[in-house]
Full PDB file with SEQRES, HELIX, SHEET, SSBOND, CRYST1, ORIGX, SCALE, CONECT and MASTER records, all heavy atoms in Angstrom:
SEQRES   1 A   34  ALA GLY LYS ASN VAL PRO ASP GLU LEU LEU ASN TYR GLU          
SEQRES   2 A   34  GLY THR ALA PRO ASP GLY ARG ARG LEU LYS CYS SER SER          
SEQRES   3 A   34  ILE ALA ILE ARG ASP GLU GLN ASN                              
SHEET    1 AA1 2 GLU A   8  THR A  15  0                                        
SHEET    2 AA1 2 ARG A  21  ILE A  27 -1                                        
CRYST1    1.000    1.000    1.000  90.00  90.00  90.00 P 1           1          
ORIGX1      1.000000  0.000000  0.000000        0.00000                         
ORIGX2      0.000000  1.000000  0.000000        0.00000                         
ORIGX3      0.000000  0.000000  1.000000        0.00000                         
SCALE1      1.000000  0.000000  0.000000        0.00000                         
SCALE2      0.000000  1.000000  0.000000        0.00000                         
SCALE3      0.000000  0.000000  1.000000        0.00000                         
ATOM      1  N   ALA A   1     -46.384  30.105 117.263  1.00  0.00           N  
ATOM      2  CA  ALA A   1     -47.382  30.844 118.032  1.00  0.00           C  
ATOM      3  C   ALA A   1     -47.447  30.382 119.486  1.00  0.00           C  
ATOM      4  O   ALA A   1     -48.227  30.923 120.257  1.00  0.00           O  
ATOM      5  CB  ALA A   1     -48.742  30.712 117.359  1.00  0.00           C  
ATOM      6  N   GLY A   2     -46.654  29.372 119.822  1.00  0.00           N  
ATOM      7  CA  GLY A   2     -46.643  28.893 121.207  1.00  0.00           C  
ATOM      8  C   GLY A   2     -47.878  28.080 121.559  1.00  0.00           C  
ATOM      9  O   GLY A   2     -48.291  28.066 122.712  1.00  0.00           O  
ATOM     10  N   LYS A   3     -48.453  27.399 120.590  1.00  0.00           N  
ATOM     11  CA  LYS A   3     -49.701  26.665 120.808  1.00  0.00           C  
ATOM     12  C   LYS A   3     -49.457  25.233 121.295  1.00  0.00           C  
ATOM     13  O   LYS A   3     -50.065  24.300 120.825  1.00  0.00           O  
ATOM     14  CB  LYS A   3     -50.528  26.652 119.524  1.00  0.00           C  
ATOM     15  CG  LYS A   3     -51.043  28.018 119.175  1.00  0.00           C  
ATOM     16  CD  LYS A   3     -52.023  27.969 118.039  1.00  0.00           C  
ATOM     17  CE  LYS A   3     -52.574  29.377 117.807  1.00  0.00           C  
ATOM     18  NZ  LYS A   3     -53.405  29.437 116.661  1.00  0.00           N  
ATOM     19  N   ASN A   4     -48.567  25.098 122.258  1.00  0.00           N  
ATOM     20  CA  ASN A   4     -48.340  23.817 122.929  1.00  0.00           C  
ATOM     21  C   ASN A   4     -47.953  22.685 121.990  1.00  0.00           C  
ATOM     22  O   ASN A   4     -48.402  21.558 122.143  1.00  0.00           O  
ATOM     23  CB  ASN A   4     -49.590  23.430 123.770  1.00  0.00           C  
ATOM     24  CG  ASN A   4     -49.248  22.476 124.874  1.00  0.00           C  
ATOM     25  OD1 ASN A   4     -48.123  22.453 125.351  1.00  0.00           O  
ATOM     26  ND2 ASN A   4     -50.219  21.714 125.296  1.00  0.00           N  
ATOM     27  N   VAL A   5     -47.145  22.992 120.985  1.00  0.00           N  
ATOM     28  CA  VAL A   5     -46.584  21.948 120.118  1.00  0.00           C  
ATOM     29  C   VAL A   5     -45.214  21.582 120.699  1.00  0.00           C  
ATOM     30  O   VAL A   5     -44.365  22.442 120.880  1.00  0.00           O  
ATOM     31  CB  VAL A   5     -46.401  22.458 118.663  1.00  0.00           C  
ATOM     32  CG1 VAL A   5     -45.735  21.405 117.811  1.00  0.00           C  
ATOM     33  CG2 VAL A   5     -47.750  22.880 118.090  1.00  0.00           C  
ATOM     34  N   PRO A   6     -45.014  20.322 121.048  1.00  0.00           N  
ATOM     35  CA  PRO A   6     -43.729  19.950 121.661  1.00  0.00           C  
ATOM     36  C   PRO A   6     -42.564  20.138 120.703  1.00  0.00           C  
ATOM     37  O   PRO A   6     -42.731  20.102 119.471  1.00  0.00           O  
ATOM     38  CB  PRO A   6     -43.919  18.471 122.027  1.00  0.00           C  
ATOM     39  CG  PRO A   6     -45.094  17.998 121.252  1.00  0.00           C  
ATOM     40  CD  PRO A   6     -45.907  19.185 120.900  1.00  0.00           C  
ATOM     41  N   ASP A   7     -41.381  20.350 121.282  1.00  0.00           N  
ATOM     42  CA  ASP A   7     -40.186  20.510 120.463  1.00  0.00           C  
ATOM     43  C   ASP A   7     -39.872  19.226 119.710  1.00  0.00           C  
ATOM     44  O   ASP A   7     -39.280  19.274 118.624  1.00  0.00           O  
ATOM     45  CB  ASP A   7     -38.985  20.914 121.311  1.00  0.00           C  
ATOM     46  CG  ASP A   7     -38.926  22.387 121.573  1.00  0.00           C  
ATOM     47  OD1 ASP A   7     -39.811  23.133 121.093  1.00  0.00           O  
ATOM     48  OD2 ASP A   7     -37.980  22.820 122.277  1.00  0.00           O  
ATOM     49  N   GLU A   8     -40.212  18.096 120.284  1.00  0.00           N  
ATOM     50  CA  GLU A   8     -40.012  16.813 119.600  1.00  0.00           C  
ATOM     51  C   GLU A   8     -41.369  16.146 119.382  1.00  0.00           C  
ATOM     52  O   GLU A   8     -41.980  15.640 120.321  1.00  0.00           O  
ATOM     53  CB  GLU A   8     -39.123  15.919 120.450  1.00  0.00           C  
ATOM     54  CG  GLU A   8     -37.717  16.459 120.601  1.00  0.00           C  
ATOM     55  CD  GLU A   8     -36.845  15.602 121.478  1.00  0.00           C  
ATOM     56  OE1 GLU A   8     -37.294  14.556 121.994  1.00  0.00           O  
ATOM     57  OE2 GLU A   8     -35.693  15.979 121.664  1.00  0.00           O  
ATOM     58  N   LEU A   9     -41.840  16.205 118.181  1.00  0.00           N  
ATOM     59  CA  LEU A   9     -43.118  15.590 117.800  1.00  0.00           C  
ATOM     60  C   LEU A   9     -42.745  14.409 116.900  1.00  0.00           C  
ATOM     61  O   LEU A   9     -42.374  14.616 115.738  1.00  0.00           O  
ATOM     62  CB  LEU A   9     -43.976  16.603 117.090  1.00  0.00           C  
ATOM     63  CG  LEU A   9     -45.400  16.184 116.772  1.00  0.00           C  
ATOM     64  CD1 LEU A   9     -46.156  15.806 118.050  1.00  0.00           C  
ATOM     65  CD2 LEU A   9     -46.136  17.317 116.085  1.00  0.00           C  
ATOM     66  N   LEU A  10     -42.813  13.205 117.465  1.00  0.00           N  
ATOM     67  CA  LEU A  10     -42.259  12.044 116.812  1.00  0.00           C  
ATOM     68  C   LEU A  10     -43.317  11.028 116.402  1.00  0.00           C  
ATOM     69  O   LEU A  10     -44.290  10.807 117.125  1.00  0.00           O  
ATOM     70  CB  LEU A  10     -41.244  11.347 117.736  1.00  0.00           C  
ATOM     71  CG  LEU A  10     -40.155  12.252 118.309  1.00  0.00           C  
ATOM     72  CD1 LEU A  10     -39.329  11.468 119.307  1.00  0.00           C  
ATOM     73  CD2 LEU A  10     -39.315  12.855 117.217  1.00  0.00           C  
ATOM     74  N   ASN A  11     -43.087  10.453 115.205  1.00  0.00           N  
ATOM     75  CA  ASN A  11     -43.837   9.303 114.724  1.00  0.00           C  
ATOM     76  C   ASN A  11     -45.338   9.543 114.606  1.00  0.00           C  
ATOM     77  O   ASN A  11     -46.151   8.705 114.934  1.00  0.00           O  
ATOM     78  CB  ASN A  11     -43.576   8.099 115.660  1.00  0.00           C  
ATOM     79  CG  ASN A  11     -43.830   6.768 114.973  1.00  0.00           C  
ATOM     80  OD1 ASN A  11     -43.633   6.647 113.775  1.00  0.00           O  
ATOM     81  ND2 ASN A  11     -44.300   5.816 115.726  1.00  0.00           N  
ATOM     82  N   TYR A  12     -45.715  10.719 114.119  1.00  0.00           N  
ATOM     83  CA  TYR A  12     -47.146  10.981 113.900  1.00  0.00           C  
ATOM     84  C   TYR A  12     -47.514  10.648 112.455  1.00  0.00           C  
ATOM     85  O   TYR A  12     -46.640  10.616 111.575  1.00  0.00           O  
ATOM     86  CB  TYR A  12     -47.508  12.424 114.260  1.00  0.00           C  
ATOM     87  CG  TYR A  12     -46.870  13.511 113.434  1.00  0.00           C  
ATOM     88  CD1 TYR A  12     -47.515  14.046 112.315  1.00  0.00           C  
ATOM     89  CD2 TYR A  12     -45.623  14.041 113.787  1.00  0.00           C  
ATOM     90  CE1 TYR A  12     -46.958  15.044 111.541  1.00  0.00           C  
ATOM     91  CE2 TYR A  12     -45.057  15.055 113.033  1.00  0.00           C  
ATOM     92  CZ  TYR A  12     -45.699  15.540 111.924  1.00  0.00           C  
ATOM     93  OH  TYR A  12     -45.141  16.531 111.180  1.00  0.00           O  
ATOM     94  N   GLU A  13     -48.779  10.401 112.224  1.00  0.00           N  
ATOM     95  CA  GLU A  13     -49.224  10.042 110.892  1.00  0.00           C  
ATOM     96  C   GLU A  13     -49.533  11.298 110.091  1.00  0.00           C  
ATOM     97  O   GLU A  13     -50.137  12.233 110.595  1.00  0.00           O  
ATOM     98  CB  GLU A  13     -50.470   9.158 110.956  1.00  0.00           C  
ATOM     99  CG  GLU A  13     -50.808   8.596 109.593  1.00  0.00           C  
ATOM    100  CD  GLU A  13     -51.799   7.436 109.651  1.00  0.00           C  
ATOM    101  OE1 GLU A  13     -51.736   6.647 110.619  1.00  0.00           O  
ATOM    102  OE2 GLU A  13     -52.619   7.329 108.736  1.00  0.00           O  
ATOM    103  N   GLY A  14     -49.083  11.308 108.861  1.00  0.00           N  
ATOM    104  CA  GLY A  14     -49.356  12.383 107.932  1.00  0.00           C  
ATOM    105  C   GLY A  14     -49.857  11.841 106.626  1.00  0.00           C  
ATOM    106  O   GLY A  14     -49.934  10.633 106.429  1.00  0.00           O  
ATOM    107  N   THR A  15     -50.149  12.732 105.717  1.00  0.00           N  
ATOM    108  CA  THR A  15     -50.639  12.348 104.391  1.00  0.00           C  
ATOM    109  C   THR A  15     -49.933  13.177 103.335  1.00  0.00           C  
ATOM    110  O   THR A  15     -49.868  14.412 103.437  1.00  0.00           O  
ATOM    111  CB  THR A  15     -52.166  12.580 104.277  1.00  0.00           C  
ATOM    112  OG1 THR A  15     -52.819  11.906 105.354  1.00  0.00           O  
ATOM    113  CG2 THR A  15     -52.706  12.051 102.955  1.00  0.00           C  
ATOM    114  N   ALA A  16     -49.408  12.523 102.323  1.00  0.00           N  
ATOM    115  CA  ALA A  16     -48.780  13.214 101.201  1.00  0.00           C  
ATOM    116  C   ALA A  16     -49.857  13.887 100.356  1.00  0.00           C  
ATOM    117  O   ALA A  16     -51.027  13.481 100.432  1.00  0.00           O  
ATOM    118  CB  ALA A  16     -47.970  12.232 100.370  1.00  0.00           C  
ATOM    119  N   PRO A  17     -49.500  14.855  99.553  1.00  0.00           N  
ATOM    120  CA  PRO A  17     -50.483  15.521  98.696  1.00  0.00           C  
ATOM    121  C   PRO A  17     -51.246  14.565  97.786  1.00  0.00           C  
ATOM    122  O   PRO A  17     -52.397  14.794  97.446  1.00  0.00           O  
ATOM    123  CB  PRO A  17     -49.640  16.515  97.864  1.00  0.00           C  
ATOM    124  CG  PRO A  17     -48.472  16.800  98.718  1.00  0.00           C  
ATOM    125  CD  PRO A  17     -48.172  15.510  99.438  1.00  0.00           C  
ATOM    126  N   ASP A  18     -50.627  13.428  97.425  1.00  0.00           N  
ATOM    127  CA  ASP A  18     -51.302  12.450  96.571  1.00  0.00           C  
ATOM    128  C   ASP A  18     -52.061  11.397  97.368  1.00  0.00           C  
ATOM    129  O   ASP A  18     -52.565  10.426  96.793  1.00  0.00           O  
ATOM    130  CB  ASP A  18     -50.324  11.809  95.598  1.00  0.00           C  
ATOM    131  CG  ASP A  18     -49.234  11.010  96.317  1.00  0.00           C  
ATOM    132  OD1 ASP A  18     -49.298  10.856  97.549  1.00  0.00           O  
ATOM    133  OD2 ASP A  18     -48.308  10.526  95.624  1.00  0.00           O  
ATOM    134  N   GLY A  19     -52.141  11.555  98.689  1.00  0.00           N  
ATOM    135  CA  GLY A  19     -52.933  10.657  99.518  1.00  0.00           C  
ATOM    136  C   GLY A  19     -52.171   9.537 100.196  1.00  0.00           C  
ATOM    137  O   GLY A  19     -52.726   8.806 100.995  1.00  0.00           O  
ATOM    138  N   ARG A  20     -50.893   9.384  99.851  1.00  0.00           N  
ATOM    139  CA  ARG A  20     -50.111   8.297 100.508  1.00  0.00           C  
ATOM    140  C   ARG A  20     -49.961   8.576 102.003  1.00  0.00           C  
ATOM    141  O   ARG A  20     -49.818   9.722 102.416  1.00  0.00           O  
ATOM    142  CB  ARG A  20     -48.714   8.219  99.904  1.00  0.00           C  
ATOM    143  CG  ARG A  20     -48.702   7.655  98.505  1.00  0.00           C  
ATOM    144  CD  ARG A  20     -47.310   7.662  97.936  1.00  0.00           C  
ATOM    145  NE  ARG A  20     -46.949   9.059  97.677  1.00  0.00           N  
ATOM    146  CZ  ARG A  20     -45.735   9.500  97.513  1.00  0.00           C  
ATOM    147  NH1 ARG A  20     -44.695   8.668  97.556  1.00  0.00           N  
ATOM    148  NH2 ARG A  20     -45.475  10.783  97.285  1.00  0.00           N  
ATOM    149  N   ARG A  21     -50.017   7.494 102.798  1.00  0.00           N  
ATOM    150  CA  ARG A  21     -49.826   7.605 104.248  1.00  0.00           C  
ATOM    151  C   ARG A  21     -48.341   7.799 104.545  1.00  0.00           C  
ATOM    152  O   ARG A  21     -47.487   7.155 103.933  1.00  0.00           O  
ATOM    153  CB  ARG A  21     -50.339   6.351 104.960  1.00  0.00           C  
ATOM    154  CG  ARG A  21     -51.843   6.227 104.942  1.00  0.00           C  
ATOM    155  CD  ARG A  21     -52.342   5.005 105.668  1.00  0.00           C  
ATOM    156  NE  ARG A  21     -51.780   4.888 106.990  1.00  0.00           N  
ATOM    157  CZ  ARG A  21     -51.306   3.762 107.522  1.00  0.00           C  
ATOM    158  NH1 ARG A  21     -51.337   2.635 106.841  1.00  0.00           N  
ATOM    159  NH2 ARG A  21     -50.821   3.758 108.755  1.00  0.00           N  
ATOM    160  N   LEU A  22     -48.063   8.674 105.507  1.00  0.00           N  
ATOM    161  CA  LEU A  22     -46.687   8.968 105.927  1.00  0.00           C  
ATOM    162  C   LEU A  22     -46.521   8.781 107.421  1.00  0.00           C  
ATOM    163  O   LEU A  22     -47.489   8.915 108.181  1.00  0.00           O  
ATOM    164  CB  LEU A  22     -46.330  10.425 105.592  1.00  0.00           C  
ATOM    165  CG  LEU A  22     -46.573  10.924 104.184  1.00  0.00           C  
ATOM    166  CD1 LEU A  22     -46.255  12.417 104.111  1.00  0.00           C  
ATOM    167  CD2 LEU A  22     -45.735  10.137 103.183  1.00  0.00           C  
ATOM    168  N   LYS A  23     -45.319   8.480 107.835  1.00  0.00           N  
ATOM    169  CA  LYS A  23     -44.918   8.599 109.237  1.00  0.00           C  
ATOM    170  C   LYS A  23     -43.979   9.820 109.253  1.00  0.00           C  
ATOM    171  O   LYS A  23     -43.058   9.938 108.447  1.00  0.00           O  
ATOM    172  CB  LYS A  23     -44.156   7.371 109.728  1.00  0.00           C  
ATOM    173  CG  LYS A  23     -45.059   6.271 110.147  1.00  0.00           C  
ATOM    174  CD  LYS A  23     -45.859   6.653 111.372  1.00  0.00           C  
ATOM    175  CE  LYS A  23     -46.685   5.482 111.860  1.00  0.00           C  
ATOM    176  NZ  LYS A  23     -47.440   5.771 113.037  1.00  0.00           N  
ATOM    177  N   CYS A  24     -44.245  10.724 110.199  1.00  0.00           N  
ATOM    178  CA  CYS A  24     -43.537  12.007 110.218  1.00  0.00           C  
ATOM    179  C   CYS A  24     -42.986  12.276 111.612  1.00  0.00           C  
ATOM    180  O   CYS A  24     -43.538  11.820 112.611  1.00  0.00           O  
ATOM    181  CB  CYS A  24     -44.466  13.148 109.839  1.00  0.00           C  
ATOM    182  SG  CYS A  24     -45.325  12.870 108.262  1.00  0.00           S  
ATOM    183  N   SER A  25     -41.920  13.050 111.654  1.00  0.00           N  
ATOM    184  CA  SER A  25     -41.362  13.547 112.909  1.00  0.00           C  
ATOM    185  C   SER A  25     -40.872  14.976 112.645  1.00  0.00           C  
ATOM    186  O   SER A  25     -40.360  15.269 111.564  1.00  0.00           O  
ATOM    187  CB  SER A  25     -40.216  12.679 113.408  1.00  0.00           C  
ATOM    188  OG  SER A  25     -40.677  11.419 113.782  1.00  0.00           O  
ATOM    189  N   SER A  26     -41.035  15.835 113.653  1.00  0.00           N  
ATOM    190  CA  SER A  26     -40.596  17.226 113.555  1.00  0.00           C  
ATOM    191  C   SER A  26     -39.850  17.564 114.855  1.00  0.00           C  
ATOM    192  O   SER A  26     -40.406  17.392 115.939  1.00  0.00           O  
ATOM    193  CB  SER A  26     -41.804  18.137 113.345  1.00  0.00           C  
ATOM    194  OG  SER A  26     -41.399  19.494 113.362  1.00  0.00           O  
ATOM    195  N   ILE A  27     -38.648  18.076 114.704  1.00  0.00           N  
ATOM    196  CA  ILE A  27     -37.824  18.432 115.850  1.00  0.00           C  
ATOM    197  C   ILE A  27     -37.462  19.908 115.767  1.00  0.00           C  
ATOM    198  O   ILE A  27     -36.873  20.335 114.751  1.00  0.00           O  
ATOM    199  CB  ILE A  27     -36.571  17.555 115.900  1.00  0.00           C  
ATOM    200  CG1 ILE A  27     -36.957  16.083 115.993  1.00  0.00           C  
ATOM    201  CG2 ILE A  27     -35.694  17.969 117.092  1.00  0.00           C  
ATOM    202  CD1 ILE A  27     -35.827  15.106 115.770  1.00  0.00           C  
ATOM    203  N   ALA A  28     -37.825  20.664 116.783  1.00  0.00           N  
ATOM    204  CA  ALA A  28     -37.523  22.087 116.804  1.00  0.00           C  
ATOM    205  C   ALA A  28     -36.021  22.324 116.921  1.00  0.00           C  
ATOM    206  O   ALA A  28     -35.300  21.550 117.537  1.00  0.00           O  
ATOM    207  CB  ALA A  28     -38.259  22.766 117.949  1.00  0.00           C  
ATOM    208  N   ILE A  29     -35.587  23.438 116.333  1.00  0.00           N  
ATOM    209  CA  ILE A  29     -34.202  23.900 116.464  1.00  0.00           C  
ATOM    210  C   ILE A  29     -34.223  25.205 117.226  1.00  0.00           C  
ATOM    211  O   ILE A  29     -34.921  26.150 116.827  1.00  0.00           O  
ATOM    212  CB  ILE A  29     -33.557  24.098 115.064  1.00  0.00           C  
ATOM    213  CG1 ILE A  29     -33.586  22.794 114.270  1.00  0.00           C  
ATOM    214  CG2 ILE A  29     -32.154  24.669 115.192  1.00  0.00           C  
ATOM    215  CD1 ILE A  29     -33.246  22.958 112.816  1.00  0.00           C  
ATOM    216  N   ARG A  30     -33.504  25.233 118.333  1.00  0.00           N  
ATOM    217  CA  ARG A  30     -33.436  26.420 119.199  1.00  0.00           C  
ATOM    218  C   ARG A  30     -31.975  26.872 119.365  1.00  0.00           C  
ATOM    219  O   ARG A  30     -31.071  26.052 119.268  1.00  0.00           O  
ATOM    220  CB  ARG A  30     -34.043  26.119 120.560  1.00  0.00           C  
ATOM    221  CG  ARG A  30     -35.535  25.852 120.484  1.00  0.00           C  
ATOM    222  CD  ARG A  30     -36.130  25.631 121.859  1.00  0.00           C  
ATOM    223  NE  ARG A  30     -37.560  25.451 121.773  1.00  0.00           N  
ATOM    224  CZ  ARG A  30     -38.453  26.408 121.756  1.00  0.00           C  
ATOM    225  NH1 ARG A  30     -38.080  27.683 121.846  1.00  0.00           N  
ATOM    226  NH2 ARG A  30     -39.766  26.152 121.660  1.00  0.00           N  
ATOM    227  N   ASP A  31     -31.803  28.160 119.628  1.00  0.00           N  
ATOM    228  CA  ASP A  31     -30.440  28.658 119.880  1.00  0.00           C  
ATOM    229  C   ASP A  31     -30.124  28.562 121.371  1.00  0.00           C  
ATOM    230  O   ASP A  31     -30.897  28.028 122.159  1.00  0.00           O  
ATOM    231  CB  ASP A  31     -30.289  30.098 119.344  1.00  0.00           C  
ATOM    232  CG  ASP A  31     -31.124  31.130 120.075  1.00  0.00           C  
ATOM    233  OD1 ASP A  31     -31.682  30.818 121.160  1.00  0.00           O  
ATOM    234  OD2 ASP A  31     -31.255  32.260 119.568  1.00  0.00           O  
ATOM    235  N   GLU A  32     -28.945  29.103 121.727  1.00  0.00           N  
ATOM    236  CA  GLU A  32     -28.479  29.017 123.122  1.00  0.00           C  
ATOM    237  C   GLU A  32     -29.404  29.743 124.116  1.00  0.00           C  
ATOM    238  O   GLU A  32     -29.412  29.412 125.290  1.00  0.00           O  
ATOM    239  CB  GLU A  32     -27.062  29.619 123.227  1.00  0.00           C  
ATOM    240  CG  GLU A  32     -26.029  28.869 122.429  1.00  0.00           C  
ATOM    241  CD  GLU A  32     -25.994  29.262 120.967  1.00  0.00           C  
ATOM    242  OE1 GLU A  32     -26.581  30.315 120.578  1.00  0.00           O  
ATOM    243  OE2 GLU A  32     -25.435  28.490 120.176  1.00  0.00           O  
ATOM    244  N   GLN A  33     -30.174  30.701 123.652  1.00  0.00           N  
ATOM    245  CA  GLN A  33     -31.112  31.421 124.505  1.00  0.00           C  
ATOM    246  C   GLN A  33     -32.523  30.800 124.465  1.00  0.00           C  
ATOM    247  O   GLN A  33     -33.464  31.379 124.938  1.00  0.00           O  
ATOM    248  CB  GLN A  33     -31.222  32.892 124.090  1.00  0.00           C  
ATOM    249  CG  GLN A  33     -29.966  33.705 124.390  1.00  0.00           C  
ATOM    250  CD  GLN A  33     -28.857  33.455 123.400  1.00  0.00           C  
ATOM    251  OE1 GLN A  33     -29.100  33.252 122.199  1.00  0.00           O  
ATOM    252  NE2 GLN A  33     -27.625  33.389 123.900  1.00  0.00           N  
ATOM    253  N   ASN A  34     -32.602  29.611 123.890  1.00  0.00           N  
ATOM    254  CA  ASN A  34     -33.858  28.863 123.758  1.00  0.00           C  
ATOM    255  C   ASN A  34     -34.863  29.532 122.832  1.00  0.00           C  
ATOM    256  O   ASN A  34     -36.058  29.219 122.853  1.00  0.00           O  
ATOM    257  CB  ASN A  34     -34.490  28.612 125.139  1.00  0.00           C  
ATOM    258  CG  ASN A  34     -35.415  27.406 125.118  1.00  0.00           C  
ATOM    259  OD1 ASN A  34     -35.131  26.415 124.453  1.00  0.00           O  
ATOM    260  ND2 ASN A  34     -36.508  27.486 125.865  1.00  0.00           N  
TER     261      ASN A  34                                                      
MASTER        0    0    0    0    2    0    0    6  260    1    0    3          
END                                                                             
């Protein structure tokens, strides 16, 4: 939706469905036209 989420969102804290703490990273995949 273009809500200012960076293409590289690294080392953020997440939570597994069972409550375990996670370290997470998400990297966008773009084509040649961005």
